[in-house]
Amino acid sequence: MKLTHQNRQPKFIEIFYSFGKKEQKDFIKFAKNPYFNRKRDHKPLLNKLLKIKPEFFKDPGININENLQKFLKINRRALWNRLSELTKIAESYLIANNTQNNRLLKNNILLEEYSKRKLTEILRLQITPAKTDIKNEKIEIDTYFSVHNLYKKISAYFSEQNNYNESAKFYKLQSEYWLLHFLIILFKQLLDTELQKRNNIDISSRLSNELLECIDKEKLLAIVKQNLPMVSIPAEIYYLLYWAFKETDGSEFYYSARDMFLKNKDMFAMEFKNEVYQYLRNYCIDKTNKGEFSYYNEIFNLNNSIIDEGLFKDLNVVNSQTNNFRNFIFAALRLDKFDWVKNFIHNHSKELPDEIRDDEVNLNTGILKTYVKDFEGALSYLKKVKRKRYLQYLDTSVYKLIIFYETNELENSYSETARLKDYIRKHKDIPVYLKSGYQKFIKIYENLLKLSQNYDKTENEYYLNQMEPIKNVGLGSWLYKKGEELLKTASKHH
């Protein structure tokens, strides 16, 4: 069916509901500005949306448009027009908000405008604060490109004033920062391409591959390090991480990248820190999946560093394909740091979006209680999970299956397995790679149930042999351990 203004929900509601509490208050103030609102008072509509928000998150199927129409006493077309106006205001707010907080972008815009308007003296006065902002700016992916643009504009200004020595100085700087930006993007692409290979995803291109082959990357990095030792650090971190993932045993590169990052972390912006922490964690997770359990301590320490710095951005994101909250606790669970997990859930669940907070607290508390073998308590928490998102449904079911096996509740094991299979079959939105992982768990779990009820030593040994390659991956360790327990019990009886 073709979407029209009569049946399509305007995107403003999604944008507005994505704002945090402070952003909502700031936006309401912003929307009062007659430059943007055409003297229309949007406050009643916005306040009504705030009142509807909790109800909407409980039941996303509610008809918000109808609710607003009744409240405002207007027809569909009039409501659509108002929400469309608010969409434009929201877009302006996002642009203004991000520009306001981006000093380099502000300086680039101002220098460009002053130059176009021939405001030579004002442009000259803007150069000093621009240079100060460059010096104080925290580094992220695009920082050096912004610096390159600023130095390019400053060079052009001095050239117009016939001050060719100063112009040449800043022209050299803009060239160097362009090269640094290129180097960062180059090494980040190498790293991301290597990582995606592990997921059987090819993000490289023929052009980029041929270009990379033409470049002596080691020599290029060495030259940049020699001439620009501090500002080359982000590129070097990416390059070390690339080799950490590429080499069979890249631990030396990993530790070099980690130490360089932690030693210089004060120079990086939050966005860059978040990304590098994720690369470091991914490397360690890969190691634990290969049976190198010492890396659980490494993950635990990285998580504590992330918490100490307040880097909770990934907790504020509702992502259907990963559980960011769980990423903080799984290593602690493997290390039996149960008090740490309990405190983390208590202290940091507030960082989660309202619509998923209760479910995540109940799910993760249920998982914690499963690990400490309080199966009755675990089940009571898991039953509270509403399971609206497929990842919550899948994980809740899996831990219920573990509890039912541990407590020898066969009937519940079989019925929950059937429900989980049916859910996976019906929900086409579950990604194939995720679906296959849960289907593999179900298949092995069913084999474990058969063994526990109709024991056969040969089948048990075959089961353990089949489990060997994945015994360290996720819940494969639990499945393998249960198979070992069956074999030991049988050996005692003989």
Protein backbone atom coordinates (compact mmCIF):
# COMPACT_ATOMS: atom_id res chain seq x y z
CA MET A 1 0.00 0.00 0.00
CA LYS A 2 1.33 3.42 -0.92
CA LEU A 3 1.94 5.65 2.09
CA THR A 4 0.12 8.99 2.10
CA HIS A 5 -0.31 11.76 4.63
CA GLN A 6 -3.47 9.98 5.84
CA ASN A 7 -1.77 6.76 6.97
CA ARG A 8 1.92 7.53 7.39
CA GLN A 9 3.24 8.47 10.83
CA PRO A 10 5.43 11.60 10.55
CA LYS A 11 9.06 11.15 11.48
CA PHE A 12 8.93 14.01 13.99
CA ILE A 13 7.46 11.74 16.68
CA GLU A 14 10.39 9.32 16.33
CA ILE A 15 12.89 12.18 16.45
CA PHE A 16 11.23 13.80 19.48
CA TYR A 17 11.00 10.52 21.39
CA SER A 18 14.69 9.88 20.72
CA PHE A 19 15.60 13.00 22.74
CA GLY A 20 16.69 12.67 26.35
CA LYS A 21 14.91 14.69 29.05
CA LYS A 22 17.28 17.66 28.79
CA GLU A 23 17.11 17.61 24.99
CA GLN A 24 13.30 17.61 25.14
CA LYS A 25 13.31 20.70 27.39
CA ASP A 26 15.88 22.43 25.18
CA PHE A 27 13.91 21.59 22.04
CA ILE A 28 10.66 22.99 23.47
CA LYS A 29 12.52 26.27 24.14
CA PHE A 30 14.06 26.14 20.65
CA ALA A 31 10.64 25.58 19.04
CA LYS A 32 9.37 28.81 20.64
CA ASN A 33 11.71 30.86 18.42
CA PRO A 34 9.53 32.73 15.87
CA TYR A 35 12.33 32.44 13.29
CA PHE A 36 11.57 28.71 13.13
CA ASN A 37 7.94 28.33 14.25
CA ARG A 38 6.24 30.95 12.05
CA LYS A 39 4.63 32.31 15.24
CA ARG A 40 2.74 29.05 15.83
CA ASP A 41 2.65 27.85 19.46
CA HIS A 42 3.74 24.20 19.40
CA LYS A 43 4.06 23.84 23.17
CA PRO A 44 0.60 22.24 23.80
CA LEU A 45 1.29 19.58 21.15
CA LEU A 46 4.77 18.88 22.51
CA ASN A 47 3.56 18.61 26.10
CA LYS A 48 0.83 16.20 24.98
CA LEU A 49 3.46 14.06 23.24
CA LEU A 50 5.44 13.94 26.49
CA LYS A 51 2.35 12.69 28.34
CA ILE A 52 1.70 10.02 25.69
CA LYS A 53 5.34 8.82 25.61
CA PRO A 54 5.17 6.27 28.50
CA GLU A 55 1.98 4.79 27.05
CA PHE A 56 3.57 4.62 23.59
CA PHE A 57 6.60 2.67 24.85
CA LYS A 58 4.29 0.20 26.60
CA ASP A 59 2.19 -0.20 23.46
CA PRO A 60 3.83 1.12 20.24
CA GLY A 61 0.62 0.25 18.40
CA ILE A 62 -1.41 3.09 19.92
CA ASN A 63 -2.73 5.69 17.50
CA ILE A 64 -0.83 8.83 18.46
CA ASN A 65 -2.22 10.85 15.56
CA GLU A 66 -5.80 10.21 16.63
CA ASN A 67 -4.92 11.11 20.21
CA LEU A 68 -3.35 14.41 19.11
CA GLN A 69 -6.25 15.25 16.79
CA LYS A 70 -8.77 14.94 19.62
CA PHE A 71 -6.61 16.96 21.99
CA LEU A 72 -5.89 19.76 19.51
CA LYS A 73 -9.35 19.57 17.85
CA ILE A 74 -7.92 19.59 14.33
CA ASN A 75 -8.26 17.31 11.30
CA ARG A 76 -5.67 14.87 9.95
CA ARG A 77 -4.28 17.20 7.32
CA ALA A 78 -3.82 20.04 9.80
CA LEU A 79 -2.05 17.69 12.23
CA TRP A 80 0.18 16.38 9.47
CA ASN A 81 1.15 19.93 8.54
CA ARG A 82 2.02 20.81 12.15
CA LEU A 83 4.11 17.69 12.60
CA SER A 84 5.87 18.37 9.29
CA GLU A 85 6.70 21.88 10.52
CA LEU A 86 8.04 20.38 13.75
CA THR A 87 10.16 17.94 11.74
CA LYS A 88 11.92 20.87 10.06
CA ILE A 89 12.36 22.60 13.43
CA ALA A 90 13.76 19.37 14.92
CA GLU A 91 16.24 19.05 12.05
CA SER A 92 17.31 22.67 12.58
CA TYR A 93 17.69 21.98 16.31
CA LEU A 94 19.91 18.96 15.67
CA ILE A 95 22.09 20.92 13.25
CA ALA A 96 22.32 23.94 15.57
CA ASN A 97 23.03 21.76 18.60
CA ASN A 98 25.79 19.81 16.88
CA THR A 99 27.31 22.92 15.31
CA GLN A 100 27.29 24.74 18.65
CA ASN A 101 29.31 21.95 20.25
CA ASN A 102 31.72 21.55 17.34
CA ARG A 103 34.30 24.31 17.68
CA LEU A 104 36.26 23.41 14.57
CA LEU A 105 33.15 23.34 12.41
CA LYS A 106 32.05 26.71 13.83
CA ASN A 107 35.45 28.22 13.05
CA ASN A 108 35.39 26.80 9.53
CA ILE A 109 31.94 28.28 8.89
CA LEU A 110 32.89 31.68 10.34
CA LEU A 111 36.17 31.94 8.42
CA GLU A 112 34.36 30.96 5.21
CA GLU A 113 31.60 33.53 5.77
CA TYR A 114 33.98 36.35 6.76
CA SER A 115 36.07 35.66 3.68
CA LYS A 116 33.06 35.66 1.32
CA ARG A 117 31.77 38.91 2.86
CA LYS A 118 35.21 40.58 2.63
CA LEU A 119 35.25 41.16 6.41
CA THR A 120 39.04 41.11 6.48
CA GLU A 121 39.62 42.57 9.94
CA ILE A 122 37.01 40.33 11.61
CA LEU A 123 38.54 37.35 9.81
CA ARG A 124 41.98 38.29 11.14
CA LEU A 125 40.62 38.48 14.69
CA GLN A 126 38.98 35.05 14.29
CA ILE A 127 42.30 33.35 13.46
CA THR A 128 43.62 33.43 17.04
CA PRO A 129 40.58 31.69 18.64
CA ALA A 130 40.58 29.23 15.73
CA LYS A 131 44.22 28.28 16.44
CA THR A 132 43.44 27.98 20.16
CA ASP A 133 40.51 25.67 19.43
CA ILE A 134 42.74 23.51 17.22
CA LYS A 135 45.22 23.19 20.07
CA ASN A 136 42.52 22.24 22.61
CA GLU A 137 40.41 20.00 20.39
CA LYS A 138 40.02 16.35 21.40
CA ILE A 139 40.79 13.99 18.54
CA GLU A 140 38.22 11.91 16.68
CA ILE A 141 38.03 10.44 13.18
CA ASP A 142 37.35 13.67 11.28
CA THR A 143 39.28 16.10 13.51
CA TYR A 144 42.33 16.30 11.27
CA PHE A 145 40.21 16.94 8.18
CA SER A 146 38.56 19.89 9.98
CA VAL A 147 42.01 21.15 11.03
CA HIS A 148 43.20 20.79 7.44
CA ASN A 149 40.28 22.95 6.25
CA LEU A 150 40.97 25.61 8.89
CA TYR A 151 44.67 25.85 8.06
CA LYS A 152 43.76 26.02 4.36
CA LYS A 153 41.49 29.03 5.01
CA ILE A 154 44.11 30.72 7.22
CA SER A 155 46.74 30.17 4.51
CA ALA A 156 44.41 31.74 1.93
CA TYR A 157 43.86 34.77 4.20
CA PHE A 158 47.60 35.44 4.56
CA SER A 159 48.06 34.97 0.82
CA GLU A 160 45.40 37.63 0.16
CA GLN A 161 47.30 39.95 2.54
CA ASN A 162 50.51 39.31 0.56
CA ASN A 163 52.08 37.69 3.63
CA TYR A 164 53.49 34.74 1.71
CA ASN A 165 55.75 33.42 4.48
CA GLU A 166 52.80 32.97 6.86
CA SER A 167 50.68 31.62 4.01
CA ALA A 168 53.34 29.01 3.20
CA LYS A 169 53.60 27.98 6.87
CA PHE A 170 49.88 27.27 7.14
CA TYR A 171 49.77 25.69 3.69
CA LYS A 172 52.36 23.15 4.84
CA LEU A 173 50.31 22.49 7.98
CA GLN A 174 47.11 21.94 6.01
CA SER A 175 48.96 19.47 3.77
CA GLU A 176 50.30 17.54 6.76
CA TYR A 177 46.89 17.32 8.41
CA TRP A 178 45.29 16.18 5.17
CA LEU A 179 47.90 13.40 5.03
CA LEU A 180 47.19 12.47 8.65
CA HIS A 181 43.47 12.30 7.92
CA PHE A 182 44.15 10.11 4.89
CA LEU A 183 46.36 7.84 7.00
CA ILE A 184 43.74 7.45 9.73
CA ILE A 185 41.02 6.58 7.19
CA LEU A 186 43.41 4.21 5.39
CA PHE A 187 44.36 2.25 8.51
CA LYS A 188 40.81 2.26 9.85
CA GLN A 189 39.65 0.77 6.56
CA LEU A 190 42.32 -1.92 6.83
CA LEU A 191 41.17 -2.72 10.37
CA ASP A 192 37.44 -2.77 9.56
CA THR A 193 37.98 -4.88 6.45
CA GLU A 194 39.95 -7.43 8.49
CA LEU A 195 37.24 -7.51 11.17
CA GLN A 196 34.40 -7.99 8.70
CA LYS A 197 36.20 -10.93 7.09
CA ARG A 198 35.48 -12.81 10.32
CA ASN A 199 31.76 -12.29 9.67
CA ASN A 200 32.18 -13.39 6.03
CA ILE A 201 31.43 -9.83 4.92
CA ASP A 202 33.62 -8.17 2.28
CA ILE A 203 33.64 -4.37 2.64
CA SER A 204 36.75 -3.81 0.53
CA SER A 205 36.75 -2.54 -3.04
CA ARG A 206 39.02 -3.26 -5.95
CA LEU A 207 40.11 0.37 -6.14
CA SER A 208 40.98 0.61 -2.45
CA ASN A 209 42.79 -2.74 -2.51
CA GLU A 210 44.93 -1.72 -5.48
CA LEU A 211 45.67 1.63 -3.87
CA LEU A 212 46.71 -0.02 -0.61
CA GLU A 213 49.02 -2.41 -2.46
CA CYS A 214 50.84 0.57 -4.04
CA ILE A 215 51.62 2.14 -0.67
CA ASP A 216 54.46 1.16 1.63
CA LYS A 217 52.32 1.56 4.74
CA GLU A 218 55.12 0.86 7.23
CA LYS A 219 57.41 3.43 5.65
CA LEU A 220 54.63 6.01 5.41
CA LEU A 221 53.73 5.61 9.08
CA ALA A 222 57.41 5.79 10.11
CA ILE A 223 57.88 9.10 8.23
CA VAL A 224 54.74 10.60 9.78
CA LYS A 225 55.73 9.43 13.29
CA GLN A 226 59.16 11.01 12.88
CA ASN A 227 57.78 14.37 11.74
CA LEU A 228 54.51 14.49 13.71
CA PRO A 229 55.07 12.18 16.70
CA MET A 230 52.01 13.09 18.82
CA VAL A 231 49.33 13.74 16.23
CA SER A 232 50.15 10.48 14.41
CA ILE A 233 49.05 8.40 17.44
CA PRO A 234 45.45 7.71 16.26
CA ALA A 235 46.72 6.33 12.94
CA GLU A 236 49.29 4.17 14.74
CA ILE A 237 46.63 2.74 17.10
CA TYR A 238 44.48 1.69 14.13
CA TYR A 239 47.50 0.15 12.40
CA LEU A 240 48.51 -1.85 15.47
CA LEU A 241 44.94 -3.08 15.93
CA TYR A 242 44.85 -4.11 12.27
CA TRP A 243 47.87 -6.35 12.79
CA ALA A 244 46.48 -7.63 16.09
CA PHE A 245 43.44 -9.01 14.27
CA LYS A 246 45.30 -10.06 11.11
CA GLU A 247 48.07 -12.11 12.75
CA THR A 248 47.32 -15.58 14.14
CA ASP A 249 48.82 -14.48 17.43
CA GLY A 250 48.58 -10.71 17.37
CA SER A 251 48.79 -10.28 21.13
CA GLU A 252 51.98 -8.20 20.91
CA PHE A 253 50.23 -5.74 18.59
CA TYR A 254 47.12 -5.75 20.79
CA TYR A 255 49.04 -4.83 23.95
CA SER A 256 51.01 -2.14 22.10
CA ALA A 257 47.77 -0.60 20.80
CA ARG A 258 46.11 -0.85 24.21
CA ASP A 259 49.03 0.73 26.06
CA MET A 260 49.40 3.53 23.53
CA PHE A 261 45.66 4.25 23.70
CA LEU A 262 45.43 4.23 27.51
CA LYS A 263 48.59 6.32 27.89
CA ASN A 264 47.26 9.04 25.55
CA LYS A 265 43.50 8.71 26.10
CA ASP A 266 43.16 12.29 27.38
CA MET A 267 43.84 13.58 23.87
CA PHE A 268 40.88 11.70 22.37
CA ALA A 269 37.21 12.67 22.04
CA MET A 270 34.53 10.43 23.54
CA GLU A 271 33.50 9.07 20.13
CA PHE A 272 37.04 7.90 19.35
CA LYS A 273 37.49 6.41 22.84
CA ASN A 274 34.24 4.48 22.53
CA GLU A 275 35.26 3.04 19.20
CA VAL A 276 38.77 1.99 20.28
CA TYR A 277 37.43 0.39 23.46
CA GLN A 278 35.06 -1.67 21.30
CA TYR A 279 37.93 -2.82 19.06
CA LEU A 280 39.95 -3.82 22.14
CA ARG A 281 37.01 -5.70 23.65
CA ASN A 282 36.28 -7.47 20.36
CA TYR A 283 39.87 -8.70 20.19
CA CYS A 284 39.65 -10.08 23.73
CA ILE A 285 36.27 -11.73 23.08
CA ASP A 286 37.78 -13.43 20.03
CA LYS A 287 40.61 -14.72 22.22
CA THR A 288 38.24 -16.09 24.90
CA ASN A 289 36.26 -17.87 22.17
CA LYS A 290 39.51 -19.63 21.27
CA GLY A 291 39.98 -20.79 24.86
CA GLU A 292 42.42 -18.12 26.06
CA PHE A 293 40.52 -17.40 29.27
CA SER A 294 43.10 -14.97 30.67
CA TYR A 295 41.50 -12.40 28.37
CA TYR A 296 38.37 -12.36 30.55
CA ASN A 297 40.46 -10.37 33.02
CA GLU A 298 41.45 -8.05 30.19
CA ILE A 299 37.80 -7.51 29.20
CA PHE A 300 36.88 -6.92 32.84
CA ASN A 301 39.62 -4.28 33.19
CA LEU A 302 38.58 -2.58 29.94
CA ASN A 303 34.98 -2.49 31.15
CA ASN A 304 36.06 -0.83 34.39
CA SER A 305 38.00 1.78 32.40
CA ILE A 306 34.91 2.46 30.27
CA ILE A 307 32.77 2.83 33.40
CA ASP A 308 35.33 5.10 35.11
CA GLU A 309 35.25 7.42 32.10
CA GLY A 310 31.45 7.39 31.91
CA LEU A 311 31.43 6.11 28.34
CA PHE A 312 27.88 4.80 28.31
CA LYS A 313 26.90 5.85 24.80
CA ASP A 314 26.18 2.29 23.65
CA LEU A 315 23.84 1.76 26.61
CA ASN A 316 21.66 4.64 25.43
CA VAL A 317 21.09 2.98 22.06
CA VAL A 318 18.20 0.58 21.48
CA ASN A 319 19.78 -1.99 19.18
CA SER A 320 17.85 -5.11 18.25
CA GLN A 321 20.93 -7.06 17.16
CA THR A 322 23.14 -6.78 20.22
CA ASN A 323 22.79 -6.46 23.96
CA ASN A 324 25.15 -3.65 24.94
CA PHE A 325 24.23 -3.89 28.62
CA ARG A 326 25.17 -7.58 28.68
CA ASN A 327 28.53 -6.81 27.09
CA PHE A 328 29.56 -5.23 30.39
CA ILE A 329 28.67 -8.20 32.59
CA PHE A 330 29.53 -11.40 30.74
CA ALA A 331 33.27 -11.30 31.56
CA ALA A 332 32.53 -10.56 35.23
CA LEU A 333 30.17 -13.56 35.33
CA ARG A 334 32.89 -15.82 33.91
CA LEU A 335 35.27 -14.53 36.60
CA ASP A 336 32.66 -15.17 39.35
CA LYS A 337 32.61 -11.46 40.21
CA PHE A 338 28.95 -11.66 41.12
CA ASP A 339 28.90 -8.69 43.50
CA TRP A 340 30.39 -6.54 40.73
CA VAL A 341 27.60 -7.62 38.37
CA LYS A 342 24.93 -6.93 40.99
CA ASN A 343 26.37 -3.44 41.60
CA PHE A 344 26.67 -2.75 37.87
CA ILE A 345 23.01 -3.59 37.27
CA HIS A 346 21.96 -1.46 40.25
CA ASN A 347 24.19 1.55 39.49
CA HIS A 348 24.14 1.73 35.70
CA SER A 349 20.75 0.45 34.56
CA LYS A 350 19.66 4.11 34.78
CA GLU A 351 21.74 4.72 31.64
CA LEU A 352 19.37 2.47 29.65
CA PRO A 353 16.49 3.98 27.65
CA ASP A 354 13.18 3.97 29.54
CA GLU A 355 11.50 1.53 27.17
CA ILE A 356 13.95 -1.32 27.76
CA ARG A 357 15.24 -0.64 31.29
CA ASP A 358 12.91 -2.91 33.29
CA ASP A 359 13.30 -5.81 30.88
CA GLU A 360 17.09 -5.52 30.85
CA VAL A 361 17.27 -5.37 34.66
CA ASN A 362 15.03 -8.43 35.00
CA LEU A 363 16.82 -10.37 32.26
CA ASN A 364 20.33 -9.66 33.52
CA THR A 365 19.38 -10.26 37.16
CA GLY A 366 17.90 -13.57 36.02
CA ILE A 367 21.17 -14.44 34.27
CA LEU A 368 23.18 -13.48 37.37
CA LYS A 369 21.02 -15.70 39.57
CA THR A 370 21.43 -18.55 37.07
CA TYR A 371 25.21 -18.28 37.45
CA VAL A 372 24.98 -18.38 41.27
CA LYS A 373 22.61 -21.38 40.93
CA ASP A 374 19.64 -19.62 42.51
CA PHE A 375 17.40 -21.17 39.87
CA GLU A 376 14.10 -20.36 41.56
CA GLY A 377 15.06 -16.69 41.90
CA ALA A 378 16.41 -16.63 38.34
CA LEU A 379 13.16 -18.00 36.93
CA SER A 380 11.07 -15.45 38.82
CA TYR A 381 13.07 -12.60 37.22
CA LEU A 382 13.04 -14.14 33.74
CA LYS A 383 9.25 -14.47 33.90
CA LYS A 384 9.02 -10.69 34.39
CA VAL A 385 10.75 -9.99 31.05
CA LYS A 386 8.11 -8.82 28.56
CA ARG A 387 10.23 -10.00 25.63
CA LYS A 388 9.06 -7.41 23.10
CA ARG A 389 12.45 -7.37 21.35
CA TYR A 390 13.60 -10.59 19.75
CA LEU A 391 16.99 -10.56 21.48
CA GLN A 392 15.29 -10.41 24.88
CA TYR A 393 12.91 -13.20 23.87
CA LEU A 394 15.72 -15.44 22.65
CA ASP A 395 17.99 -14.90 25.65
CA THR A 396 15.17 -15.31 28.16
CA SER A 397 14.18 -18.62 26.56
CA VAL A 398 17.75 -19.92 26.49
CA TYR A 399 18.31 -19.22 30.18
CA LYS A 400 14.94 -20.77 31.02
CA LEU A 401 16.09 -23.90 29.18
CA ILE A 402 19.29 -23.95 31.24
CA ILE A 403 17.27 -23.64 34.47
CA PHE A 404 14.81 -26.37 33.43
CA TYR A 405 17.71 -28.74 32.68
CA GLU A 406 19.47 -27.95 35.96
CA THR A 407 16.24 -28.51 37.94
CA ASN A 408 15.28 -31.60 35.91
CA GLU A 409 11.98 -30.11 34.72
CA LEU A 410 11.68 -32.16 31.53
CA GLU A 411 8.18 -31.13 30.55
CA ASN A 412 9.08 -27.45 30.79
CA SER A 413 12.29 -28.11 28.83
CA TYR A 414 10.40 -29.64 25.93
CA SER A 415 7.60 -27.04 25.87
CA GLU A 416 10.03 -24.08 26.07
CA THR A 417 12.16 -25.61 23.29
CA ALA A 418 9.05 -25.94 21.10
CA ARG A 419 8.07 -22.32 21.80
CA LEU A 420 11.56 -21.06 21.01
CA LYS A 421 11.69 -23.00 17.72
CA ASP A 422 8.30 -21.64 16.72
CA TYR A 423 9.32 -18.08 17.59
CA ILE A 424 12.50 -18.29 15.50
CA ARG A 425 10.57 -19.79 12.57
CA LYS A 426 7.91 -17.07 12.58
CA HIS A 427 10.16 -14.03 13.10
CA LYS A 428 11.76 -13.30 9.75
CA ASP A 429 13.33 -10.09 11.11
CA ILE A 430 15.93 -12.04 13.10
CA PRO A 431 19.27 -11.84 11.21
CA VAL A 432 20.42 -15.15 9.73
CA TYR A 433 23.73 -15.23 11.64
CA LEU A 434 21.90 -14.66 14.94
CA LYS A 435 19.18 -17.16 14.13
CA SER A 436 21.70 -19.89 13.25
CA GLY A 437 23.48 -19.46 16.60
CA TYR A 438 20.29 -20.01 18.59
CA GLN A 439 19.21 -22.88 16.34
CA LYS A 440 22.57 -24.56 16.97
CA PHE A 441 22.06 -24.16 20.73
CA ILE A 442 18.59 -25.74 20.50
CA LYS A 443 19.89 -28.70 18.48
CA ILE A 444 22.72 -29.41 20.93
CA TYR A 445 20.39 -28.85 23.91
CA GLU A 446 17.96 -31.44 22.51
CA ASN A 447 20.84 -33.92 22.13
CA LEU A 448 21.81 -33.24 25.74
CA LEU A 449 18.24 -33.90 26.90
CA LYS A 450 18.19 -37.22 25.01
CA LEU A 451 21.48 -38.24 26.59
CA SER A 452 20.26 -37.38 30.07
CA GLN A 453 17.14 -39.52 29.61
CA ASN A 454 18.48 -42.40 27.50
CA TYR A 455 22.15 -42.59 28.34
CA ASP A 456 24.63 -44.10 25.91
CA LYS A 457 28.37 -43.76 26.52
CA THR A 458 29.28 -43.86 22.82
CA GLU A 459 26.73 -41.13 22.09
CA ASN A 460 28.07 -39.13 25.05
CA GLU A 461 31.63 -39.31 23.74
CA TYR A 462 30.41 -38.37 20.26
CA TYR A 463 28.51 -35.41 21.79
CA LEU A 464 31.67 -34.14 23.52
CA ASN A 465 33.72 -34.61 20.36
CA GLN A 466 31.20 -32.57 18.38
CA MET A 467 31.21 -29.87 21.06
CA GLU A 468 35.01 -29.57 21.19
CA PRO A 469 35.35 -26.76 18.59
CA ILE A 470 32.75 -24.54 20.32
CA LYS A 471 33.20 -25.49 23.96
CA ASN A 472 34.65 -22.05 24.74
CA VAL A 473 32.16 -20.01 22.72
CA GLY A 474 29.31 -18.43 24.68
CA LEU A 475 26.97 -21.00 26.21
CA GLY A 476 28.89 -23.77 24.46
CA SER A 477 30.88 -24.01 27.69
CA TRP A 478 27.72 -24.85 29.66
CA LEU A 479 26.60 -27.45 27.09
CA TYR A 480 30.07 -29.05 27.11
CA LYS A 481 30.24 -29.07 30.91
CA LYS A 482 26.86 -30.83 31.16
CA GLY A 483 28.08 -33.47 28.71
CA GLU A 484 31.21 -33.99 30.82
CA GLU A 485 29.09 -34.36 33.95
CA LEU A 486 27.01 -37.10 32.32
CA LEU A 487 30.17 -38.99 31.33
CA LYS A 488 31.66 -38.70 34.84
CA THR A 489 28.43 -39.87 36.45
CA ALA A 490 28.26 -42.86 34.11
CA SER A 491 31.92 -43.73 34.81
CA LYS A 492 31.28 -43.75 38.57
CA HIS A 493 28.41 -46.19 38.14
CA HIS A 494 30.63 -48.57 36.22
